[in-house]
C-alpha atoms as a PDB file:
ATOM      1  CA  MET A   1       0.000   0.000   0.000  1.00  0.00           C
ATOM      2  CA  ARG A   2       1.316   3.442  -0.948  1.00  0.00           C
ATOM      3  CA  THR A   3       1.387   5.805   2.037  1.00  0.00           C
ATOM      4  CA  PRO A   4      -0.676   8.929   1.231  1.00  0.00           C
ATOM      5  CA  VAL A   5       1.060  12.296   1.019  1.00  0.00           C
ATOM      6  CA  VAL A   6      -0.587  15.588   1.957  1.00  0.00           C
ATOM      7  CA  ALA A   7       1.619  18.584   1.130  1.00  0.00           C
ATOM      8  CA  GLY A   8       0.743  22.235   1.673  1.00  0.00           C
ATOM      9  CA  ASN A   9       2.086  24.791  -0.801  1.00  0.00           C
ATOM     10  CA  TRP A  10       1.847  28.163   0.918  1.00  0.00           C
ATOM     11  CA  LYS A  11       2.965  30.039  -2.217  1.00  0.00           C
ATOM     12  CA  MET A  12       3.657  33.762  -1.529  1.00  0.00           C
ATOM     13  CA  ASN A  13       1.511  33.972   1.598  1.00  0.00           C
ATOM     14  CA  LEU A  14       1.812  34.494   5.376  1.00  0.00           C
ATOM     15  CA  ASP A  15       4.419  36.348   7.400  1.00  0.00           C
ATOM     16  CA  ARG A  16       6.897  34.910   9.924  1.00  0.00           C
ATOM     17  CA  ALA A  17       4.538  35.039  12.897  1.00  0.00           C
ATOM     18  CA  LYS A  18       1.655  33.432  11.005  1.00  0.00           C
ATOM     19  CA  ALA A  19       3.926  30.768   9.516  1.00  0.00           C
ATOM     20  CA  ILE A  20       5.265  29.800  12.935  1.00  0.00           C
ATOM     21  CA  GLY A  21       1.799  29.870  14.442  1.00  0.00           C
ATOM     22  CA  LEU A  22       0.469  27.565  11.746  1.00  0.00           C
ATOM     23  CA  VAL A  23       3.149  24.920  12.198  1.00  0.00           C
ATOM     24  CA  ARG A  24       2.848  25.115  15.978  1.00  0.00           C
ATOM     25  CA  GLU A  25      -0.841  24.316  15.660  1.00  0.00           C
ATOM     26  CA  LEU A  26      -0.040  21.439  13.324  1.00  0.00           C
ATOM     27  CA  LYS A  27       2.469  20.095  15.844  1.00  0.00           C
ATOM     28  CA  SER A  28       0.096  20.424  18.781  1.00  0.00           C
ATOM     29  CA  ARG A  29      -2.497  18.313  16.981  1.00  0.00           C
ATOM     30  CA  GLN A  30      -0.163  15.805  15.364  1.00  0.00           C
ATOM     31  CA  GLY A  31      -1.379  13.009  17.645  1.00  0.00           C
ATOM     32  CA  ALA A  32      -1.230   9.387  16.563  1.00  0.00           C
ATOM     33  CA  ARG A  33      -0.621   9.929  12.883  1.00  0.00           C
ATOM     34  CA  ALA A  34       2.138   7.287  12.904  1.00  0.00           C
ATOM     35  CA  ALA A  35       2.949   6.128   9.364  1.00  0.00           C
ATOM     36  CA  ALA A  36      -0.585   6.621   8.042  1.00  0.00           C
ATOM     37  CA  VAL A  37       0.009   9.874   6.159  1.00  0.00           C
ATOM     38  CA  GLU A  38       3.130  11.761   5.114  1.00  0.00           C
ATOM     39  CA  VAL A  39       2.552  15.452   5.783  1.00  0.00           C
ATOM     40  CA  GLY A  40       4.629  18.367   4.575  1.00  0.00           C
ATOM     41  CA  VAL A  41       4.612  22.130   4.108  1.00  0.00           C
ATOM     42  CA  ALA A  42       6.281  24.403   1.550  1.00  0.00           C
ATOM     43  CA  PRO A  43       6.680  27.908   3.020  1.00  0.00           C
ATOM     44  CA  PRO A  44       8.069  30.937   1.176  1.00  0.00           C
ATOM     45  CA  PHE A  45      11.873  30.946   1.038  1.00  0.00           C
ATOM     46  CA  PRO A  46      12.437  33.614   3.745  1.00  0.00           C
ATOM     47  CA  TYR A  47      10.631  31.491   6.354  1.00  0.00           C
ATOM     48  CA  LEU A  48      12.121  28.079   5.592  1.00  0.00           C
ATOM     49  CA  GLU A  49      14.686  28.194   8.386  1.00  0.00           C
ATOM     50  CA  ALA A  50      12.192  29.422  11.000  1.00  0.00           C
ATOM     51  CA  VAL A  51       9.674  26.748  10.030  1.00  0.00           C
ATOM     52  CA  ALA A  52      12.421  24.106   9.976  1.00  0.00           C
ATOM     53  CA  ALA A  53      13.299  24.966  13.578  1.00  0.00           C
ATOM     54  CA  GLU A  54       9.652  24.550  14.594  1.00  0.00           C
ATOM     55  CA  LEU A  55       9.353  21.208  12.803  1.00  0.00           C
ATOM     56  CA  ARG A  56      12.538  19.722  14.234  1.00  0.00           C
ATOM     57  CA  GLY A  57      11.740  16.418  15.938  1.00  0.00           C
ATOM     58  CA  THR A  58       8.424  15.971  14.130  1.00  0.00           C
ATOM     59  CA  ASP A  59       7.481  13.849  11.115  1.00  0.00           C
ATOM     60  CA  VAL A  60       6.278  16.830   9.078  1.00  0.00           C
ATOM     61  CA  PHE A  61       8.564  17.351   6.094  1.00  0.00           C
ATOM     62  CA  LEU A  62       9.755  20.715   4.790  1.00  0.00           C
ATOM     63  CA  ALA A  63       9.719  21.517   1.082  1.00  0.00           C
ATOM     64  CA  GLY A  64      11.051  24.303  -1.072  1.00  0.00           C
ATOM     65  CA  GLN A  65       8.676  25.800  -3.627  1.00  0.00           C
ATOM     66  CA  ASP A  66      11.299  25.796  -6.392  1.00  0.00           C
ATOM     67  CA  LEU A  67      15.038  25.494  -7.017  1.00  0.00           C
ATOM     68  CA  HIS A  68      17.530  26.606  -9.642  1.00  0.00           C
ATOM     69  CA  GLN A  69      18.750  24.146 -12.242  1.00  0.00           C
ATOM     70  CA  GLU A  70      22.421  24.896 -11.542  1.00  0.00           C
ATOM     71  CA  PRO A  71      24.227  23.875  -8.347  1.00  0.00           C
ATOM     72  CA  PHE A  72      25.553  27.402  -7.613  1.00  0.00           C
ATOM     73  CA  GLY A  73      26.609  30.580  -9.385  1.00  0.00           C
ATOM     74  CA  ALA A  74      25.797  34.169 -10.281  1.00  0.00           C
ATOM     75  CA  PHE A  75      22.009  33.829 -10.413  1.00  0.00           C
ATOM     76  CA  THR A  76      20.587  36.783  -8.505  1.00  0.00           C
ATOM     77  CA  GLY A  77      17.412  35.998  -6.604  1.00  0.00           C
ATOM     78  CA  GLU A  78      17.620  32.237  -7.160  1.00  0.00           C
ATOM     79  CA  VAL A  79      17.921  29.388  -4.648  1.00  0.00           C
ATOM     80  CA  ALA A  80      20.108  26.300  -5.027  1.00  0.00           C
ATOM     81  CA  GLY A  81      19.077  22.806  -4.054  1.00  0.00           C
ATOM     82  CA  ALA A  82      22.013  22.575  -1.657  1.00  0.00           C
ATOM     83  CA  MET A  83      20.727  25.696   0.099  1.00  0.00           C
ATOM     84  CA  LEU A  84      17.319  24.086   0.554  1.00  0.00           C
ATOM     85  CA  LYS A  85      18.983  21.018   2.042  1.00  0.00           C
ATOM     86  CA  ASP A  86      21.119  23.199   4.276  1.00  0.00           C
ATOM     87  CA  VAL A  87      18.104  24.854   5.923  1.00  0.00           C
ATOM     88  CA  GLY A  88      16.287  21.570   6.478  1.00  0.00           C
ATOM     89  CA  CYS A  89      14.286  20.803   3.342  1.00  0.00           C
ATOM     90  CA  SER A  90      13.832  17.186   2.313  1.00  0.00           C
ATOM     91  CA  HIS A  91      11.458  17.909  -0.592  1.00  0.00           C
ATOM     92  CA  VAL A  92      11.037  20.480  -3.354  1.00  0.00           C
ATOM     93  CA  ILE A  93       8.198  21.337  -5.746  1.00  0.00           C
ATOM     94  CA  VAL A  94       9.287  21.288  -9.395  1.00  0.00           C
ATOM     95  CA  GLY A  95       7.356  22.545 -12.404  1.00  0.00           C
ATOM     96  CA  HIS A  96       4.325  23.975 -10.651  1.00  0.00           C
ATOM     97  CA  SER A  97       1.911  25.459 -13.192  1.00  0.00           C
ATOM     98  CA  GLU A  98       2.558  28.961 -11.849  1.00  0.00           C
ATOM     99  CA  ARG A  99       6.243  28.505 -12.628  1.00  0.00           C
ATOM    100  CA  ARG A 100       5.416  27.169 -16.096  1.00  0.00           C
ATOM    101  CA  ARG A 101       2.633  29.610 -17.038  1.00  0.00           C
ATOM    102  CA  VAL A 102       3.528  32.781 -15.129  1.00  0.00           C
ATOM    103  CA  MET A 103       7.331  32.514 -15.019  1.00  0.00           C
ATOM    104  CA  GLY A 104       7.646  30.924 -18.459  1.00  0.00           C
ATOM    105  CA  GLU A 105       9.462  27.748 -17.462  1.00  0.00           C
ATOM    106  CA  SER A 106       9.715  25.300 -20.341  1.00  0.00           C
ATOM    107  CA  ASP A 107       9.353  21.532 -20.115  1.00  0.00           C
ATOM    108  CA  GLU A 108      13.098  21.286 -20.762  1.00  0.00           C
ATOM    109  CA  LEU A 109      13.916  23.626 -17.877  1.00  0.00           C
ATOM    110  CA  VAL A 110      11.606  21.706 -15.549  1.00  0.00           C
ATOM    111  CA  GLY A 111      13.475  18.537 -16.498  1.00  0.00           C
ATOM    112  CA  ARG A 112      16.798  20.145 -15.599  1.00  0.00           C
ATOM    113  CA  LYS A 113      15.405  21.285 -12.256  1.00  0.00           C
ATOM    114  CA  LEU A 114      14.074  17.803 -11.545  1.00  0.00           C
ATOM    115  CA  ALA A 115      17.475  16.270 -12.258  1.00  0.00           C
ATOM    116  CA  ARG A 116      19.156  18.854 -10.016  1.00  0.00           C
ATOM    117  CA  ALA A 117      16.740  18.128  -7.165  1.00  0.00           C
ATOM    118  CA  LEU A 118      17.548  14.426  -7.358  1.00  0.00           C
ATOM    119  CA  ASP A 119      21.285  15.146  -7.576  1.00  0.00           C
ATOM    120  CA  GLN A 120      21.014  17.191  -4.371  1.00  0.00           C
ATOM    121  CA  GLY A 121      19.195  14.405  -2.521  1.00  0.00           C
ATOM    122  CA  LEU A 122      15.844  16.198  -2.464  1.00  0.00           C
ATOM    123  CA  VAL A 123      12.528  14.432  -3.038  1.00  0.00           C
ATOM    124  CA  PRO A 124      10.948  16.213  -6.017  1.00  0.00           C
ATOM    125  CA  ILE A 125       7.213  16.794  -6.307  1.00  0.00           C
ATOM    126  CA  LEU A 126       6.909  17.047 -10.089  1.00  0.00           C
ATOM    127  CA  CYS A 127       3.795  18.937 -11.202  1.00  0.00           C
ATOM    128  CA  VAL A 128       2.107  18.285 -14.536  1.00  0.00           C
ATOM    129  CA  GLY A 129      -1.217  19.471 -15.933  1.00  0.00           C
ATOM    130  CA  GLU A 130      -3.084  21.153 -18.739  1.00  0.00           C
ATOM    131  CA  THR A 131      -4.761  24.534 -19.192  1.00  0.00           C
ATOM    132  CA  ILE A 132      -8.452  24.895 -19.929  1.00  0.00           C
ATOM    133  CA  ALA A 133      -7.638  25.782 -23.555  1.00  0.00           C
ATOM    134  CA  GLU A 134      -5.574  22.617 -23.918  1.00  0.00           C
ATOM    135  CA  ARG A 135      -8.362  20.494 -22.433  1.00  0.00           C
ATOM    136  CA  GLN A 136     -10.993  22.069 -24.660  1.00  0.00           C
ATOM    137  CA  ALA A 137      -8.754  21.425 -27.658  1.00  0.00           C
ATOM    138  CA  LYS A 138      -8.551  17.754 -26.586  1.00  0.00           C
ATOM    139  CA  ARG A 139      -4.801  18.064 -26.021  1.00  0.00           C
ATOM    140  CA  THR A 140      -4.809  17.044 -22.357  1.00  0.00           C
ATOM    141  CA  LEU A 141      -3.128  13.665 -22.786  1.00  0.00           C
ATOM    142  CA  GLY A 142      -0.539  14.986 -25.218  1.00  0.00           C
ATOM    143  CA  VAL A 143       0.380  17.937 -22.998  1.00  0.00           C
ATOM    144  CA  VAL A 144       0.748  15.873 -19.831  1.00  0.00           C
ATOM    145  CA  LEU A 145       2.699  13.122 -21.589  1.00  0.00           C
ATOM    146  CA  GLU A 146       5.027  15.718 -23.154  1.00  0.00           C
ATOM    147  CA  GLN A 147       5.639  17.253 -19.718  1.00  0.00           C
ATOM    148  CA  LEU A 148       6.418  13.842 -18.250  1.00  0.00           C
ATOM    149  CA  ASP A 149       8.674  12.839 -21.125  1.00  0.00           C
ATOM    150  CA  ALA A 150      10.720  16.038 -20.923  1.00  0.00           C
ATOM    151  CA  ALA A 151      11.101  15.717 -17.161  1.00  0.00           C
ATOM    152  CA  LEU A 152      12.012  12.030 -17.063  1.00  0.00           C
ATOM    153  CA  ARG A 153      13.900  11.390 -20.283  1.00  0.00           C
ATOM    154  CA  ASP A 154      17.409  11.578 -18.773  1.00  0.00           C
ATOM    155  CA  LEU A 155      16.598   9.722 -15.555  1.00  0.00           C
ATOM    156  CA  THR A 156      17.084   6.096 -14.646  1.00  0.00           C
ATOM    157  CA  GLU A 157      14.783   4.016 -12.501  1.00  0.00           C
ATOM    158  CA  SER A 158      17.410   4.098  -9.772  1.00  0.00           C
ATOM    159  CA  ASN A 159      17.959   7.853  -9.520  1.00  0.00           C
ATOM    160  CA  ALA A 160      14.281   8.645 -10.059  1.00  0.00           C
ATOM    161  CA  ALA A 161      13.224   6.406  -7.167  1.00  0.00           C
ATOM    162  CA  PRO A 162      12.199   9.207  -4.731  1.00  0.00           C
ATOM    163  CA  LEU A 163       9.929  10.875  -7.310  1.00  0.00           C
ATOM    164  CA  LEU A 164       6.454  12.129  -6.427  1.00  0.00           C
ATOM    165  CA  VAL A 165       4.170  13.325  -9.232  1.00  0.00           C
ATOM    166  CA  ALA A 166       1.314  15.795  -8.794  1.00  0.00           C
ATOM    167  CA  TYR A 167      -1.372  16.023 -11.468  1.00  0.00           C
ATOM    168  CA  GLU A 168      -2.720  19.573 -11.304  1.00  0.00           C
ATOM    169  CA  PRO A 169      -5.138  20.690 -14.003  1.00  0.00           C
ATOM    170  CA  VAL A 170      -4.293  24.384 -14.342  1.00  0.00           C
ATOM    171  CA  TRP A 171      -7.947  25.334 -14.745  1.00  0.00           C
ATOM    172  CA  ALA A 172      -8.713  23.917 -11.288  1.00  0.00           C
ATOM    173  CA  ILE A 173      -5.962  25.708  -9.344  1.00  0.00           C
ATOM    174  CA  GLY A 174      -7.291  28.506  -7.168  1.00  0.00           C
ATOM    175  CA  THR A 175     -10.531  28.687  -9.145  1.00  0.00           C
ATOM    176  CA  GLY A 176     -12.834  26.701  -6.895  1.00  0.00           C
ATOM    177  CA  VAL A 177     -13.535  24.433  -9.880  1.00  0.00           C
ATOM    178  CA  ASN A 178     -12.604  20.794  -9.489  1.00  0.00           C
ATOM    179  CA  ALA A 179     -11.940  18.083 -11.986  1.00  0.00           C
ATOM    180  CA  THR A 180     -14.500  15.325 -11.676  1.00  0.00           C
ATOM    181  CA  ALA A 181     -13.598  12.018 -10.053  1.00  0.00           C
ATOM    182  CA  GLU A 182     -13.683  10.444 -13.522  1.00  0.00           C
ATOM    183  CA  GLN A 183     -11.282  13.036 -14.952  1.00  0.00           C
ATOM    184  CA  VAL A 184      -8.917  12.642 -12.009  1.00  0.00           C
ATOM    185  CA  GLU A 185      -8.938   8.844 -12.235  1.00  0.00           C
ATOM    186  CA  GLU A 186      -8.308   8.946 -15.977  1.00  0.00           C
ATOM    187  CA  MET A 187      -5.330  11.295 -15.683  1.00  0.00           C
ATOM    188  CA  HIS A 188      -3.767   9.451 -12.770  1.00  0.00           C
ATOM    189  CA  ARG A 189      -4.014   6.276 -14.831  1.00  0.00           C
ATOM    190  CA  VAL A 190      -2.364   8.090 -17.757  1.00  0.00           C
ATOM    191  CA  VAL A 191       0.509   9.226 -15.540  1.00  0.00           C
ATOM    192  CA  ARG A 192       1.014   5.776 -14.026  1.00  0.00           C
ATOM    193  CA  ASP A 193       0.914   4.104 -17.457  1.00  0.00           C
ATOM    194  CA  ALA A 194       3.560   6.587 -18.632  1.00  0.00           C
ATOM    195  CA  LEU A 195       5.762   5.594 -15.696  1.00  0.00           C
ATOM    196  CA  VAL A 196       5.335   1.927 -16.630  1.00  0.00           C
ATOM    197  CA  LYS A 197       6.486   2.647 -20.179  1.00  0.00           C
ATOM    198  CA  ARG A 198       9.363   4.911 -19.120  1.00  0.00           C
ATOM    199  CA  PHE A 199      10.617   2.667 -16.307  1.00  0.00           C
ATOM    200  CA  THR A 200       8.933  -0.542 -15.081  1.00  0.00           C
ATOM    201  CA  PRO A 201       5.591  -1.684 -13.659  1.00  0.00           C
ATOM    202  CA  ALA A 202       7.225  -2.013 -10.236  1.00  0.00           C
ATOM    203  CA  PHE A 203       8.451   1.598 -10.349  1.00  0.00           C
ATOM    204  CA  ALA A 204       5.034   2.848 -11.418  1.00  0.00           C
ATOM    205  CA  ASP A 205       3.296   0.816  -8.733  1.00  0.00           C
ATOM    206  CA  ARG A 206       5.329   2.307  -5.910  1.00  0.00           C
ATOM    207  CA  THR A 207       5.362   5.918  -7.185  1.00  0.00           C
ATOM    208  CA  ARG A 208       2.827   8.128  -5.471  1.00  0.00           C
ATOM    209  CA  ILE A 209       0.725  10.372  -7.676  1.00  0.00           C
ATOM    210  CA  LEU A 210      -0.987  13.301  -5.969  1.00  0.00           C
ATOM    211  CA  TYR A 211      -3.880  15.473  -7.102  1.00  0.00           C
ATOM    212  CA  GLY A 212      -3.846  19.248  -6.826  1.00  0.00           C
ATOM    213  CA  GLY A 213      -6.394  21.864  -7.749  1.00  0.00           C
ATOM    214  CA  SER A 214      -8.758  23.617  -5.314  1.00  0.00           C
ATOM    215  CA  VAL A 215      -8.436  20.812  -2.768  1.00  0.00           C
ATOM    216  CA  LYS A 216     -10.370  21.710   0.378  1.00  0.00           C
ATOM    217  CA  PRO A 217     -11.989  19.929   3.339  1.00  0.00           C
ATOM    218  CA  GLU A 218     -15.318  19.733   1.489  1.00  0.00           C
ATOM    219  CA  ASN A 219     -13.958  17.686  -1.422  1.00  0.00           C
ATOM    220  CA  ALA A 220     -10.848  16.030   0.025  1.00  0.00           C
ATOM    221  CA  ALA A 221     -12.483  12.726   0.973  1.00  0.00           C
ATOM    222  CA  GLU A 222     -13.997  12.316  -2.498  1.00  0.00           C
ATOM    223  CA  LEU A 223     -10.704  13.101  -4.229  1.00  0.00           C
ATOM    224  CA  LEU A 224      -8.632  10.890  -1.939  1.00  0.00           C
ATOM    225  CA  ALA A 225     -11.020   7.987  -2.539  1.00  0.00           C
ATOM    226  CA  VAL A 226     -10.422   8.083  -6.314  1.00  0.00           C
ATOM    227  CA  GLU A 227      -8.565   5.066  -7.646  1.00  0.00           C
ATOM    228  CA  GLY A 228      -4.879   5.889  -8.152  1.00  0.00           C
ATOM    229  CA  VAL A 229      -4.856   9.064  -6.038  1.00  0.00           C
ATOM    230  CA  ASP A 230      -2.094   8.755  -3.443  1.00  0.00           C
ATOM    231  CA  GLY A 231      -2.498  12.118  -1.767  1.00  0.00           C
ATOM    232  CA  VAL A 232      -2.992  15.794  -2.489  1.00  0.00           C
ATOM    233  CA  LEU A 233      -0.986  18.961  -3.054  1.00  0.00           C
ATOM    234  CA  VAL A 234      -2.953  21.673  -1.276  1.00  0.00           C
ATOM    235  CA  GLY A 235      -2.812  25.408  -1.943  1.00  0.00           C
ATOM    236  CA  GLY A 236      -5.053  27.914  -0.162  1.00  0.00           C
ATOM    237  CA  ALA A 237      -6.546  25.379   2.230  1.00  0.00           C
ATOM    238  CA  SER A 238      -3.072  24.698   3.671  1.00  0.00           C
ATOM    239  CA  LEU A 239      -2.898  28.267   5.025  1.00  0.00           C
ATOM    240  CA  SER A 240      -5.297  27.340   7.835  1.00  0.00           C
ATOM    241  CA  ALA A 241      -4.338  24.629  10.298  1.00  0.00           C
ATOM    242  CA  ALA A 242      -7.982  23.645  10.750  1.00  0.00           C
ATOM    243  CA  SER A 243      -8.650  23.128   7.035  1.00  0.00           C
ATOM    244  CA  PHE A 244      -5.276  21.472   6.404  1.00  0.00           C
ATOM    245  CA  LEU A 245      -5.833  19.033   9.277  1.00  0.00           C
ATOM    246  CA  ALA A 246      -9.321  18.240   7.980  1.00  0.00           C
ATOM    247  CA  ILE A 247      -7.794  17.304   4.613  1.00  0.00           C
ATOM    248  CA  ILE A 248      -5.175  15.136   6.324  1.00  0.00           C
ATOM    249  CA  ASP A 249      -7.910  13.403   8.284  1.00  0.00           C
ATOM    250  CA  ALA A 250      -9.768  12.682   5.050  1.00  0.00           C
ATOM    251  CA  CYS A 251      -7.065  10.225   3.956  1.00  0.00           C
ATOM    252  CA  PRO A 252      -8.742   6.809   3.672  1.00  0.00           C
ATOM    253  CA  ASP A 253      -6.486   4.889   6.081  1.00  0.00           C
ATOM    254  CA  ARG A 254      -6.571   7.449   8.900  1.00  0.00           C
ATOM    255  CA  ALA A 255      -8.790   5.278  11.122  1.00  0.00           C
ATOM    256  CA  ARG A 256      -6.445   2.294  10.858  1.00  0.00           C
ATOM    257  CA  ALA A 257      -3.498   4.361  12.058  1.00  0.00           C
ATOM    258  CA  GLY A 258      -5.315   6.441  14.617  1.00  0.00           C
ATOM    259  CA  GLY A 259      -5.778   9.669  12.674  1.00  0.00           C
ATOM    260  CA  PHE A 260      -3.683  12.807  12.607  1.00  0.00           C
ATOM    261  CA  ARG A 261      -5.367  14.760  15.375  1.00  0.00           C
ATOM    262  CA  THR A 262      -5.359  14.011  19.090  1.00  0.00           C
END
C-alpha cells in the first residue's frame, strides 16, 4: 500500500509570525498519525529556516517551492538545491503550473530542475497538468505526456526512485472548480501508465501520484477515494491549520493508524 502524502504549498503567503503559528498548531495536533500519512509544508523561502526549527523532531517534512537548475553561481534571486537542504528541506516542488505559465518555465527547464533536485538528494514533487484551452482542444493527454517525457527522459529508474508526481489541471488551481472524479482517475491512470512505459511496472506501482487543484476539506475525501490518487498537493486550504488538518484526516487509512489529530 502506498502511504498517502498531503503537502501544503503556501505560495507567496503568510508572514513569519503566522507561519510559525500555523506549524505550531499542526504540531500540537499531530497526535497518533504514525505512518498513516506523510505530511509536509512548503513555506516561502524567507521562512524556511524558522519553520524548519519549529518542525525539528516531528514527522512533518519541509519543502522548497522551487530550485535553480544549476548547483551554484551568479544567479541573482535564485535558490540552489544545496541551500534548501542546508536549511532543512527534504522535498522540493518542481514545475508547478505557476512557474510554467507565469514565469515561463519550459518543459526542458523543468526537467533540468528535476534532475538537479535528485542530484542534491531532495525528493521532487513534479507537477504536470493542462490549461483549460488545452483540455478544450482535446490536447490534455498529449500535454501531460510531453511534460512527463521532458522531465524524465534523462533519468534512470534508480535515480528517479524518490519521485512524487502531482497532477494539477491548471484550470482547477485557485478557481474553486474541481476536476470530476472520472477526470482525475483517468489522468492518474495516464501518468502511471507513462511511468510503466518509461521505467517498469514495479516503479510505477510504488510511485505516489498526488492530485492538486482547489483541494479543500469539502472535497478532500472524495478526491482521496479516487482510484490511483495517493495524496494531495494543497494550496489555499493549507494556510489554515484547521482546514489542512481536515484534509489530512480525510485520507482513507486514517482510522487504521489512529488519525492525525489528538
